[in-house]
Amino acid sequence: MTHRQKRVKPGRPSKDDQKEGVEIQRSSDDENEYIADDSDCERIFSLLAKQSSYKNITKTGPTKTKKADEEQLAEASENVKKVLVDLQIEDPQFFFLSNQKRKYEFDNDKLVDKTEYKLIKKDEFGDQFKTLIHKINIVNKELDENFIDVLKEILIQYQDLVNQEVNSNTIIEKIIQTIKNPENQEKFQYLLTWQRLKSITKETRMNRAIEDLEEKRKEINKKTSDKVKKKHQEFIDSQKKELDEENSMDPLQYLITKLIIAFDKIIGRFDHIMLPGLIACK
């Protein structure tokens, strides 16, 4: 039986298409790799996507925002405006992620991705780090070019410190020190701006996220099936653990810590990383 032909679409084939045996030609070429094809790429992209926004989410639904919370939100909003004026920049919708338009063209009935992406050169890194850079470049296709410059600087220092056999906790500390060093302000301004805005809204964002989780927990307790309750409770517990980790650190420390954990895993390094106030992670 021959496969049915279907309109060519950019991106990876959907699960439904694969089940149906539909012939789909992926964008770019057959060797093109996607974030969703690799768990390490997914982990890094998920981290950056979750951390990309510094803004407070507007609460909707029957639960009203408390007056004290409204005052906190208003104060955070004013402080954000002051920072934007001070830095003379427009209000960014998000950080890290690319808003680059993709360019696709047909080549012999095959949809090819002609977009020019900013990638990190592998030949600037040793053999131990080739796989890491390869995976980072897969993620880079979805990242802001300004952040890729910052990420490259972080990777260069990471490589140097690993080669010096520095432990992972010290690597995290040294990278953060480098980023915060006034002499490096211009080089890391993109990340420093994100850190500044993210810090302003941290308390209100964390309070809102924890409050939303508790509301979900109450809703789950109303369910009759113990099996369903258990499944949802486990998910909420994992979300609460992530929030506790994020809440225990300032935004920059959290981001760098999570990146180093991901980098270590890819290069096969198994140091224990201590999260503030929490058990060793890895």
C-alpha atoms as a PDB file:
ATOM      1  CA  MET A   1       0.000   0.000   0.000  1.00  0.00           C
ATOM      2  CA  THR A   2       1.407   3.417  -0.927  1.00  0.00           C
ATOM      3  CA  HIS A   3       1.422   6.298   1.514  1.00  0.00           C
ATOM      4  CA  ARG A   4      -1.099   9.060   1.040  1.00  0.00           C
ATOM      5  CA  GLN A   5       0.360  12.348  -0.082  1.00  0.00           C
ATOM      6  CA  LYS A   6      -0.364  15.357   2.069  1.00  0.00           C
ATOM      7  CA  ARG A   7       0.395  19.060   1.793  1.00  0.00           C
ATOM      8  CA  VAL A   8       3.967  19.793   2.824  1.00  0.00           C
ATOM      9  CA  LYS A   9       4.211  21.542   6.195  1.00  0.00           C
ATOM     10  CA  PRO A  10       7.163  23.126   7.975  1.00  0.00           C
ATOM     11  CA  GLY A  11       8.259  21.587  11.256  1.00  0.00           C
ATOM     12  CA  ARG A  12       8.293  18.030  12.532  1.00  0.00           C
ATOM     13  CA  PRO A  13       5.495  15.571  11.625  1.00  0.00           C
ATOM     14  CA  SER A  14       2.638  15.429  14.094  1.00  0.00           C
ATOM     15  CA  LYS A  15       2.036  12.224  16.037  1.00  0.00           C
ATOM     16  CA  ASP A  16      -1.316  11.779  14.292  1.00  0.00           C
ATOM     17  CA  ASP A  17       0.353  12.018  10.892  1.00  0.00           C
ATOM     18  CA  GLN A  18       2.945   9.445  11.896  1.00  0.00           C
ATOM     19  CA  LYS A  19       0.263   7.052  13.107  1.00  0.00           C
ATOM     20  CA  GLU A  20      -1.648   7.375   9.851  1.00  0.00           C
ATOM     21  CA  GLY A  21       1.464   6.622   7.797  1.00  0.00           C
ATOM     22  CA  VAL A  22       1.243   9.952   6.018  1.00  0.00           C
ATOM     23  CA  GLU A  23       4.318  10.942   4.039  1.00  0.00           C
ATOM     24  CA  ILE A  24       5.499  14.260   5.411  1.00  0.00           C
ATOM     25  CA  GLN A  25       8.603  16.078   4.222  1.00  0.00           C
ATOM     26  CA  ARG A  26      10.199  17.984   7.052  1.00  0.00           C
ATOM     27  CA  SER A  27      11.345  21.552   6.614  1.00  0.00           C
ATOM     28  CA  SER A  28      14.973  22.185   5.652  1.00  0.00           C
ATOM     29  CA  ASP A  29      16.494  18.769   4.852  1.00  0.00           C
ATOM     30  CA  ASP A  30      16.167  15.205   6.130  1.00  0.00           C
ATOM     31  CA  GLU A  31      19.098  15.709   8.497  1.00  0.00           C
ATOM     32  CA  ASN A  32      17.541  18.727  10.174  1.00  0.00           C
ATOM     33  CA  GLU A  33      17.157  18.262  13.920  1.00  0.00           C
ATOM     34  CA  TYR A  34      14.425  19.577  16.161  1.00  0.00           C
ATOM     35  CA  ILE A  35      14.241  20.506  19.834  1.00  0.00           C
ATOM     36  CA  ALA A  36      11.445  18.000  20.398  1.00  0.00           C
ATOM     37  CA  ASP A  37      13.679  15.178  19.111  1.00  0.00           C
ATOM     38  CA  ASP A  38      16.109  15.484  22.032  1.00  0.00           C
ATOM     39  CA  SER A  39      15.338  15.564  25.774  1.00  0.00           C
ATOM     40  CA  ASP A  40      18.408  17.708  26.555  1.00  0.00           C
ATOM     41  CA  CYS A  41      17.351  20.323  23.994  1.00  0.00           C
ATOM     42  CA  GLU A  42      13.808  20.233  25.358  1.00  0.00           C
ATOM     43  CA  ARG A  43      15.072  20.764  28.906  1.00  0.00           C
ATOM     44  CA  ILE A  44      17.174  23.799  27.970  1.00  0.00           C
ATOM     45  CA  PHE A  45      14.511  25.355  25.759  1.00  0.00           C
ATOM     46  CA  SER A  46      11.803  24.761  28.384  1.00  0.00           C
ATOM     47  CA  LEU A  47      13.939  26.527  30.999  1.00  0.00           C
ATOM     48  CA  LEU A  48      14.519  29.551  28.764  1.00  0.00           C
ATOM     49  CA  ALA A  49      10.887  29.702  27.664  1.00  0.00           C
ATOM     50  CA  LYS A  50       9.644  29.635  31.266  1.00  0.00           C
ATOM     51  CA  GLN A  51      12.157  32.283  32.325  1.00  0.00           C
ATOM     52  CA  SER A  52      11.649  34.505  29.276  1.00  0.00           C
ATOM     53  CA  SER A  53       8.915  36.671  30.771  1.00  0.00           C
ATOM     54  CA  TYR A  54       9.321  38.969  33.755  1.00  0.00           C
ATOM     55  CA  LYS A  55       5.742  40.227  33.711  1.00  0.00           C
ATOM     56  CA  ASN A  56       2.990  39.541  36.210  1.00  0.00           C
ATOM     57  CA  ILE A  57       0.097  37.521  34.838  1.00  0.00           C
ATOM     58  CA  THR A  58      -3.267  39.262  35.116  1.00  0.00           C
ATOM     59  CA  LYS A  59      -5.572  37.214  37.305  1.00  0.00           C
ATOM     60  CA  THR A  60      -8.929  36.233  35.831  1.00  0.00           C
ATOM     61  CA  GLY A  61     -11.886  34.255  37.115  1.00  0.00           C
ATOM     62  CA  PRO A  62     -14.058  34.480  40.232  1.00  0.00           C
ATOM     63  CA  THR A  63     -11.181  34.891  42.721  1.00  0.00           C
ATOM     64  CA  LYS A  64     -10.525  38.584  43.266  1.00  0.00           C
ATOM     65  CA  THR A  65      -7.077  40.048  43.739  1.00  0.00           C
ATOM     66  CA  LYS A  66      -6.559  41.226  47.324  1.00  0.00           C
ATOM     67  CA  LYS A  67      -6.036  44.943  47.897  1.00  0.00           C
ATOM     68  CA  ALA A  68      -2.551  44.349  49.324  1.00  0.00           C
ATOM     69  CA  ASP A  69      -1.672  42.321  46.227  1.00  0.00           C
ATOM     70  CA  GLU A  70      -2.990  45.079  43.972  1.00  0.00           C
ATOM     71  CA  GLU A  71      -0.750  47.586  45.733  1.00  0.00           C
ATOM     72  CA  GLN A  72       2.256  45.270  45.327  1.00  0.00           C
ATOM     73  CA  LEU A  73       1.506  44.810  41.633  1.00  0.00           C
ATOM     74  CA  ALA A  74       1.145  48.559  41.119  1.00  0.00           C
ATOM     75  CA  GLU A  75       4.454  49.210  42.893  1.00  0.00           C
ATOM     76  CA  ALA A  76       6.239  46.557  40.807  1.00  0.00           C
ATOM     77  CA  SER A  77       4.761  48.019  37.620  1.00  0.00           C
ATOM     78  CA  GLU A  78       6.006  51.511  38.511  1.00  0.00           C
ATOM     79  CA  ASN A  79       9.485  50.196  39.313  1.00  0.00           C
ATOM     80  CA  VAL A  80       9.610  48.390  35.964  1.00  0.00           C
ATOM     81  CA  LYS A  81       8.696  51.622  34.167  1.00  0.00           C
ATOM     82  CA  LYS A  82      11.494  53.465  35.978  1.00  0.00           C
ATOM     83  CA  VAL A  83      14.047  50.845  34.909  1.00  0.00           C
ATOM     84  CA  LEU A  84      12.895  51.007  31.283  1.00  0.00           C
ATOM     85  CA  VAL A  85      13.213  54.804  31.324  1.00  0.00           C
ATOM     86  CA  ASP A  86      16.607  54.568  33.021  1.00  0.00           C
ATOM     87  CA  LEU A  87      17.882  52.104  30.401  1.00  0.00           C
ATOM     88  CA  GLN A  88      16.132  53.983  27.574  1.00  0.00           C
ATOM     89  CA  ILE A  89      14.597  50.818  26.131  1.00  0.00           C
ATOM     90  CA  GLU A  90      11.097  49.846  25.079  1.00  0.00           C
ATOM     91  CA  ASP A  91       9.132  47.395  27.185  1.00  0.00           C
ATOM     92  CA  PRO A  92      10.239  43.954  25.922  1.00  0.00           C
ATOM     93  CA  GLN A  93       7.469  41.368  25.663  1.00  0.00           C
ATOM     94  CA  PHE A  94       9.926  38.617  26.527  1.00  0.00           C
ATOM     95  CA  PHE A  95      13.627  37.779  26.648  1.00  0.00           C
ATOM     96  CA  PHE A  96      15.721  34.909  25.263  1.00  0.00           C
ATOM     97  CA  LEU A  97      13.272  33.792  22.549  1.00  0.00           C
ATOM     98  CA  SER A  98      13.555  34.761  18.890  1.00  0.00           C
ATOM     99  CA  ASN A  99      10.934  36.724  16.984  1.00  0.00           C
ATOM    100  CA  GLN A 100      12.820  36.173  13.723  1.00  0.00           C
ATOM    101  CA  LYS A 101      10.627  35.455  10.722  1.00  0.00           C
ATOM    102  CA  ARG A 102      11.336  32.136   9.030  1.00  0.00           C
ATOM    103  CA  LYS A 103      12.046  31.967   5.325  1.00  0.00           C
ATOM    104  CA  TYR A 104      10.829  28.847   3.507  1.00  0.00           C
ATOM    105  CA  GLU A 105      11.222  28.015  -0.180  1.00  0.00           C
ATOM    106  CA  PHE A 106      10.267  25.029  -2.310  1.00  0.00           C
ATOM    107  CA  ASP A 107      13.150  23.079  -3.814  1.00  0.00           C
ATOM    108  CA  ASN A 108      12.182  20.051  -5.965  1.00  0.00           C
ATOM    109  CA  ASP A 109       8.782  19.798  -4.257  1.00  0.00           C
ATOM    110  CA  LYS A 110      10.475  19.946  -0.877  1.00  0.00           C
ATOM    111  CA  LEU A 111       9.979  22.798   1.557  1.00  0.00           C
ATOM    112  CA  VAL A 112      13.411  24.044   2.587  1.00  0.00           C
ATOM    113  CA  ASP A 113      14.181  26.331   5.503  1.00  0.00           C
ATOM    114  CA  LYS A 114      16.309  29.156   4.070  1.00  0.00           C
ATOM    115  CA  THR A 115      16.426  31.122   7.312  1.00  0.00           C
ATOM    116  CA  GLU A 116      19.908  32.251   8.340  1.00  0.00           C
ATOM    117  CA  TYR A 117      20.373  31.347  11.990  1.00  0.00           C
ATOM    118  CA  LYS A 118      23.040  32.601  14.355  1.00  0.00           C
ATOM    119  CA  LEU A 119      24.959  29.562  15.610  1.00  0.00           C
ATOM    120  CA  ILE A 120      28.009  28.953  17.789  1.00  0.00           C
ATOM    121  CA  LYS A 121      31.094  27.565  16.026  1.00  0.00           C
ATOM    122  CA  LYS A 122      32.032  24.099  17.280  1.00  0.00           C
ATOM    123  CA  ASP A 123      35.704  24.537  16.389  1.00  0.00           C
ATOM    124  CA  GLU A 124      36.050  27.065  19.224  1.00  0.00           C
ATOM    125  CA  PHE A 125      35.430  24.248  21.711  1.00  0.00           C
ATOM    126  CA  GLY A 126      37.231  21.030  22.632  1.00  0.00           C
ATOM    127  CA  ASP A 127      36.040  17.524  21.767  1.00  0.00           C
ATOM    128  CA  GLN A 128      34.434  17.035  25.185  1.00  0.00           C
ATOM    129  CA  PHE A 129      32.084  19.930  24.427  1.00  0.00           C
ATOM    130  CA  LYS A 130      31.185  19.196  20.771  1.00  0.00           C
ATOM    131  CA  THR A 131      27.913  17.432  21.634  1.00  0.00           C
ATOM    132  CA  LEU A 132      26.954  20.244  24.012  1.00  0.00           C
ATOM    133  CA  ILE A 133      27.527  22.920  21.355  1.00  0.00           C
ATOM    134  CA  HIS A 134      25.671  20.821  18.777  1.00  0.00           C
ATOM    135  CA  LYS A 135      22.620  20.613  21.034  1.00  0.00           C
ATOM    136  CA  ILE A 136      22.834  24.275  21.988  1.00  0.00           C
ATOM    137  CA  ASN A 137      22.809  25.161  18.280  1.00  0.00           C
ATOM    138  CA  ILE A 138      19.592  23.192  17.806  1.00  0.00           C
ATOM    139  CA  VAL A 139      18.035  25.334  20.545  1.00  0.00           C
ATOM    140  CA  ASN A 140      19.664  28.503  19.171  1.00  0.00           C
ATOM    141  CA  LYS A 141      17.338  28.446  16.168  1.00  0.00           C
ATOM    142  CA  GLU A 142      14.598  29.516  18.588  1.00  0.00           C
ATOM    143  CA  LEU A 143      16.651  32.060  20.532  1.00  0.00           C
ATOM    144  CA  ASP A 144      17.265  35.800  20.326  1.00  0.00           C
ATOM    145  CA  GLU A 145      20.618  36.568  18.674  1.00  0.00           C
ATOM    146  CA  ASN A 146      21.544  38.924  21.524  1.00  0.00           C
ATOM    147  CA  PHE A 147      21.092  36.121  24.022  1.00  0.00           C
ATOM    148  CA  ILE A 148      23.118  33.717  21.859  1.00  0.00           C
ATOM    149  CA  ASP A 149      26.087  36.098  22.247  1.00  0.00           C
ATOM    150  CA  VAL A 150      25.653  35.931  26.030  1.00  0.00           C
ATOM    151  CA  LEU A 151      25.217  32.160  25.963  1.00  0.00           C
ATOM    152  CA  LYS A 152      28.455  31.775  24.015  1.00  0.00           C
ATOM    153  CA  GLU A 153      30.367  33.761  26.651  1.00  0.00           C
ATOM    154  CA  ILE A 154      28.898  31.539  29.368  1.00  0.00           C
ATOM    155  CA  LEU A 155      29.874  28.393  27.444  1.00  0.00           C
ATOM    156  CA  ILE A 156      33.450  29.621  26.913  1.00  0.00           C
ATOM    157  CA  GLN A 157      33.909  30.226  30.639  1.00  0.00           C
ATOM    158  CA  TYR A 158      32.174  26.923  31.438  1.00  0.00           C
ATOM    159  CA  GLN A 159      34.641  25.069  29.194  1.00  0.00           C
ATOM    160  CA  ASP A 160      37.641  26.822  30.763  1.00  0.00           C
ATOM    161  CA  LEU A 161      36.496  26.019  34.307  1.00  0.00           C
ATOM    162  CA  VAL A 162      35.647  22.387  33.514  1.00  0.00           C
ATOM    163  CA  ASN A 163      39.112  21.970  31.979  1.00  0.00           C
ATOM    164  CA  GLN A 164      40.552  23.338  35.226  1.00  0.00           C
ATOM    165  CA  GLU A 165      38.557  20.624  37.059  1.00  0.00           C
ATOM    166  CA  VAL A 166      36.609  23.212  39.047  1.00  0.00           C
ATOM    167  CA  ASN A 167      33.523  21.759  40.773  1.00  0.00           C
ATOM    168  CA  SER A 168      30.080  22.714  39.467  1.00  0.00           C
ATOM    169  CA  ASN A 169      29.058  24.844  42.464  1.00  0.00           C
ATOM    170  CA  THR A 170      32.176  26.967  42.035  1.00  0.00           C
ATOM    171  CA  ILE A 171      31.581  27.168  38.268  1.00  0.00           C
ATOM    172  CA  ILE A 172      28.133  28.633  38.941  1.00  0.00           C
ATOM    173  CA  GLU A 173      29.566  31.179  41.387  1.00  0.00           C
ATOM    174  CA  LYS A 174      32.383  32.232  39.034  1.00  0.00           C
ATOM    175  CA  ILE A 175      30.081  32.632  36.017  1.00  0.00           C
ATOM    176  CA  ILE A 176      27.682  34.780  38.054  1.00  0.00           C
ATOM    177  CA  GLN A 177      30.621  36.877  39.303  1.00  0.00           C
ATOM    178  CA  THR A 178      31.777  37.380  35.713  1.00  0.00           C
ATOM    179  CA  ILE A 179      28.314  38.482  34.596  1.00  0.00           C
ATOM    180  CA  LYS A 180      27.946  40.920  37.503  1.00  0.00           C
ATOM    181  CA  ASN A 181      31.460  42.338  37.153  1.00  0.00           C
ATOM    182  CA  PRO A 182      31.060  46.050  36.197  1.00  0.00           C
ATOM    183  CA  GLU A 183      33.886  45.648  33.678  1.00  0.00           C
ATOM    184  CA  ASN A 184      31.698  43.170  31.763  1.00  0.00           C
ATOM    185  CA  GLN A 185      28.521  45.249  31.897  1.00  0.00           C
ATOM    186  CA  GLU A 186      28.379  45.966  28.175  1.00  0.00           C
ATOM    187  CA  LYS A 187      28.971  42.321  27.266  1.00  0.00           C
ATOM    188  CA  PHE A 188      26.220  41.044  29.562  1.00  0.00           C
ATOM    189  CA  GLN A 189      23.820  44.015  29.464  1.00  0.00           C
ATOM    190  CA  TYR A 190      21.081  41.898  27.866  1.00  0.00           C
ATOM    191  CA  LEU A 191      21.129  39.410  30.751  1.00  0.00           C
ATOM    192  CA  LEU A 192      21.568  42.106  33.402  1.00  0.00           C
ATOM    193  CA  THR A 193      18.465  43.918  32.131  1.00  0.00           C
ATOM    194  CA  TRP A 194      16.475  40.673  32.309  1.00  0.00           C
ATOM    195  CA  GLN A 195      17.776  40.047  35.849  1.00  0.00           C
ATOM    196  CA  ARG A 196      16.836  43.553  36.972  1.00  0.00           C
ATOM    197  CA  LEU A 197      13.275  43.375  35.633  1.00  0.00           C
ATOM    198  CA  LYS A 198      12.770  39.782  36.772  1.00  0.00           C
ATOM    199  CA  SER A 199      13.889  40.693  40.310  1.00  0.00           C
ATOM    200  CA  ILE A 200      11.398  43.557  40.533  1.00  0.00           C
ATOM    201  CA  THR A 201       8.437  41.290  39.800  1.00  0.00           C
ATOM    202  CA  LYS A 202       9.757  38.174  41.561  1.00  0.00           C
ATOM    203  CA  GLU A 203       7.741  38.439  44.773  1.00  0.00           C
ATOM    204  CA  THR A 204       4.432  39.154  43.060  1.00  0.00           C
ATOM    205  CA  ARG A 205       5.018  36.472  40.409  1.00  0.00           C
ATOM    206  CA  MET A 206       5.963  33.829  42.977  1.00  0.00           C
ATOM    207  CA  ASN A 207       3.021  34.677  45.244  1.00  0.00           C
ATOM    208  CA  ARG A 208       0.623  34.445  42.317  1.00  0.00           C
ATOM    209  CA  ALA A 209       2.061  31.140  41.102  1.00  0.00           C
ATOM    210  CA  ILE A 210       1.908  29.553  44.570  1.00  0.00           C
ATOM    211  CA  GLU A 211      -1.622  30.855  45.088  1.00  0.00           C
ATOM    212  CA  ASP A 212      -2.732  29.379  41.763  1.00  0.00           C
ATOM    213  CA  LEU A 213      -1.231  25.998  42.684  1.00  0.00           C
ATOM    214  CA  GLU A 214      -3.092  25.955  45.997  1.00  0.00           C
ATOM    215  CA  GLU A 215      -6.350  26.757  44.201  1.00  0.00           C
ATOM    216  CA  LYS A 216      -5.716  23.843  41.847  1.00  0.00           C
ATOM    217  CA  ARG A 217      -4.988  21.595  44.818  1.00  0.00           C
ATOM    218  CA  LYS A 218      -8.362  22.487  46.359  1.00  0.00           C
ATOM    219  CA  GLU A 219     -10.108  21.711  43.071  1.00  0.00           C
ATOM    220  CA  ILE A 220      -8.380  18.325  42.870  1.00  0.00           C
ATOM    221  CA  ASN A 221      -9.523  17.411  46.383  1.00  0.00           C
ATOM    222  CA  LYS A 222     -13.110  17.689  45.142  1.00  0.00           C
ATOM    223  CA  LYS A 223     -12.565  14.861  42.651  1.00  0.00           C
ATOM    224  CA  THR A 224     -13.980  11.473  43.604  1.00  0.00           C
ATOM    225  CA  SER A 225     -11.394   9.155  42.068  1.00  0.00           C
ATOM    226  CA  ASP A 226      -8.374   8.516  44.328  1.00  0.00           C
ATOM    227  CA  LYS A 227      -6.341   7.547  41.265  1.00  0.00           C
ATOM    228  CA  VAL A 228      -7.095  10.857  39.557  1.00  0.00           C
ATOM    229  CA  LYS A 229      -6.394  12.754  42.781  1.00  0.00           C
ATOM    230  CA  LYS A 230      -3.030  11.063  43.211  1.00  0.00           C
ATOM    231  CA  LYS A 231      -1.962  11.759  39.620  1.00  0.00           C
ATOM    232  CA  HIS A 232      -2.849  15.449  39.830  1.00  0.00           C
ATOM    233  CA  GLN A 233      -1.380  15.844  43.316  1.00  0.00           C
ATOM    234  CA  GLU A 234       1.949  14.432  42.124  1.00  0.00           C
ATOM    235  CA  PHE A 235       1.990  16.947  39.273  1.00  0.00           C
ATOM    236  CA  ILE A 236       1.209  19.845  41.616  1.00  0.00           C
ATOM    237  CA  ASP A 237       3.880  18.663  44.066  1.00  0.00           C
ATOM    238  CA  SER A 238       6.471  18.688  41.267  1.00  0.00           C
ATOM    239  CA  GLN A 239       5.370  22.191  40.241  1.00  0.00           C
ATOM    240  CA  LYS A 240       5.596  23.362  43.859  1.00  0.00           C
ATOM    241  CA  LYS A 241       9.116  21.927  44.125  1.00  0.00           C
ATOM    242  CA  GLU A 242      10.180  23.886  41.026  1.00  0.00           C
ATOM    243  CA  LEU A 243       8.677  27.074  42.457  1.00  0.00           C
ATOM    244  CA  ASP A 244      10.470  26.533  45.776  1.00  0.00           C
ATOM    245  CA  GLU A 245      13.773  26.107  43.921  1.00  0.00           C
ATOM    246  CA  GLU A 246      13.208  29.260  41.889  1.00  0.00           C
ATOM    247  CA  ASN A 247      12.063  31.202  44.951  1.00  0.00           C
ATOM    248  CA  SER A 248      15.201  30.223  46.883  1.00  0.00           C
ATOM    249  CA  MET A 249      17.493  32.063  44.437  1.00  0.00           C
ATOM    250  CA  ASP A 250      17.659  35.344  42.613  1.00  0.00           C
ATOM    251  CA  PRO A 251      16.716  35.039  38.905  1.00  0.00           C
ATOM    252  CA  LEU A 252      20.286  35.045  37.582  1.00  0.00           C
ATOM    253  CA  GLN A 253      21.456  32.431  40.077  1.00  0.00           C
ATOM    254  CA  TYR A 254      18.501  30.196  39.226  1.00  0.00           C
ATOM    255  CA  LEU A 255      19.057  30.503  35.472  1.00  0.00           C
ATOM    256  CA  ILE A 256      22.805  29.823  35.605  1.00  0.00           C
ATOM    257  CA  THR A 257      22.354  26.938  38.065  1.00  0.00           C
ATOM    258  CA  LYS A 258      19.809  25.220  35.825  1.00  0.00           C
ATOM    259  CA  LEU A 259      21.949  25.789  32.721  1.00  0.00           C
ATOM    260  CA  ILE A 260      25.031  24.289  34.384  1.00  0.00           C
ATOM    261  CA  ILE A 261      23.016  21.262  35.524  1.00  0.00           C
ATOM    262  CA  ALA A 262      21.911  20.765  31.895  1.00  0.00           C
ATOM    263  CA  PHE A 263      25.439  21.308  30.528  1.00  0.00           C
ATOM    264  CA  ASP A 264      26.944  18.862  33.035  1.00  0.00           C
ATOM    265  CA  LYS A 265      24.460  16.177  32.059  1.00  0.00           C
ATOM    266  CA  ILE A 266      25.271  16.528  28.356  1.00  0.00           C
ATOM    267  CA  ILE A 267      29.051  16.275  28.809  1.00  0.00           C
ATOM    268  CA  GLY A 268      28.712  13.430  31.323  1.00  0.00           C
ATOM    269  CA  ARG A 269      29.796  15.355  34.394  1.00  0.00           C
ATOM    270  CA  PHE A 270      28.176  14.243  37.643  1.00  0.00           C
ATOM    271  CA  ASP A 271      28.942  16.823  40.311  1.00  0.00           C
ATOM    272  CA  HIS A 272      26.405  17.512  43.042  1.00  0.00           C
ATOM    273  CA  ILE A 273      25.009  21.021  42.851  1.00  0.00           C
ATOM    274  CA  MET A 274      23.679  22.452  46.098  1.00  0.00           C
ATOM    275  CA  LEU A 275      20.576  24.592  45.712  1.00  0.00           C
ATOM    276  CA  PRO A 276      20.166  27.196  48.498  1.00  0.00           C
ATOM    277  CA  GLY A 277      18.058  25.779  51.313  1.00  0.00           C
ATOM    278  CA  LEU A 278      17.420  22.559  49.377  1.00  0.00           C
ATOM    279  CA  ILE A 279      19.027  19.153  48.961  1.00  0.00           C
ATOM    280  CA  ALA A 280      21.800  18.466  46.476  1.00  0.00           C
ATOM    281  CA  CYS A 281      20.594  18.391  42.899  1.00  0.00           C
ATOM    282  CA  LYS A 282      21.756  16.157  40.045  1.00  0.00           C
END
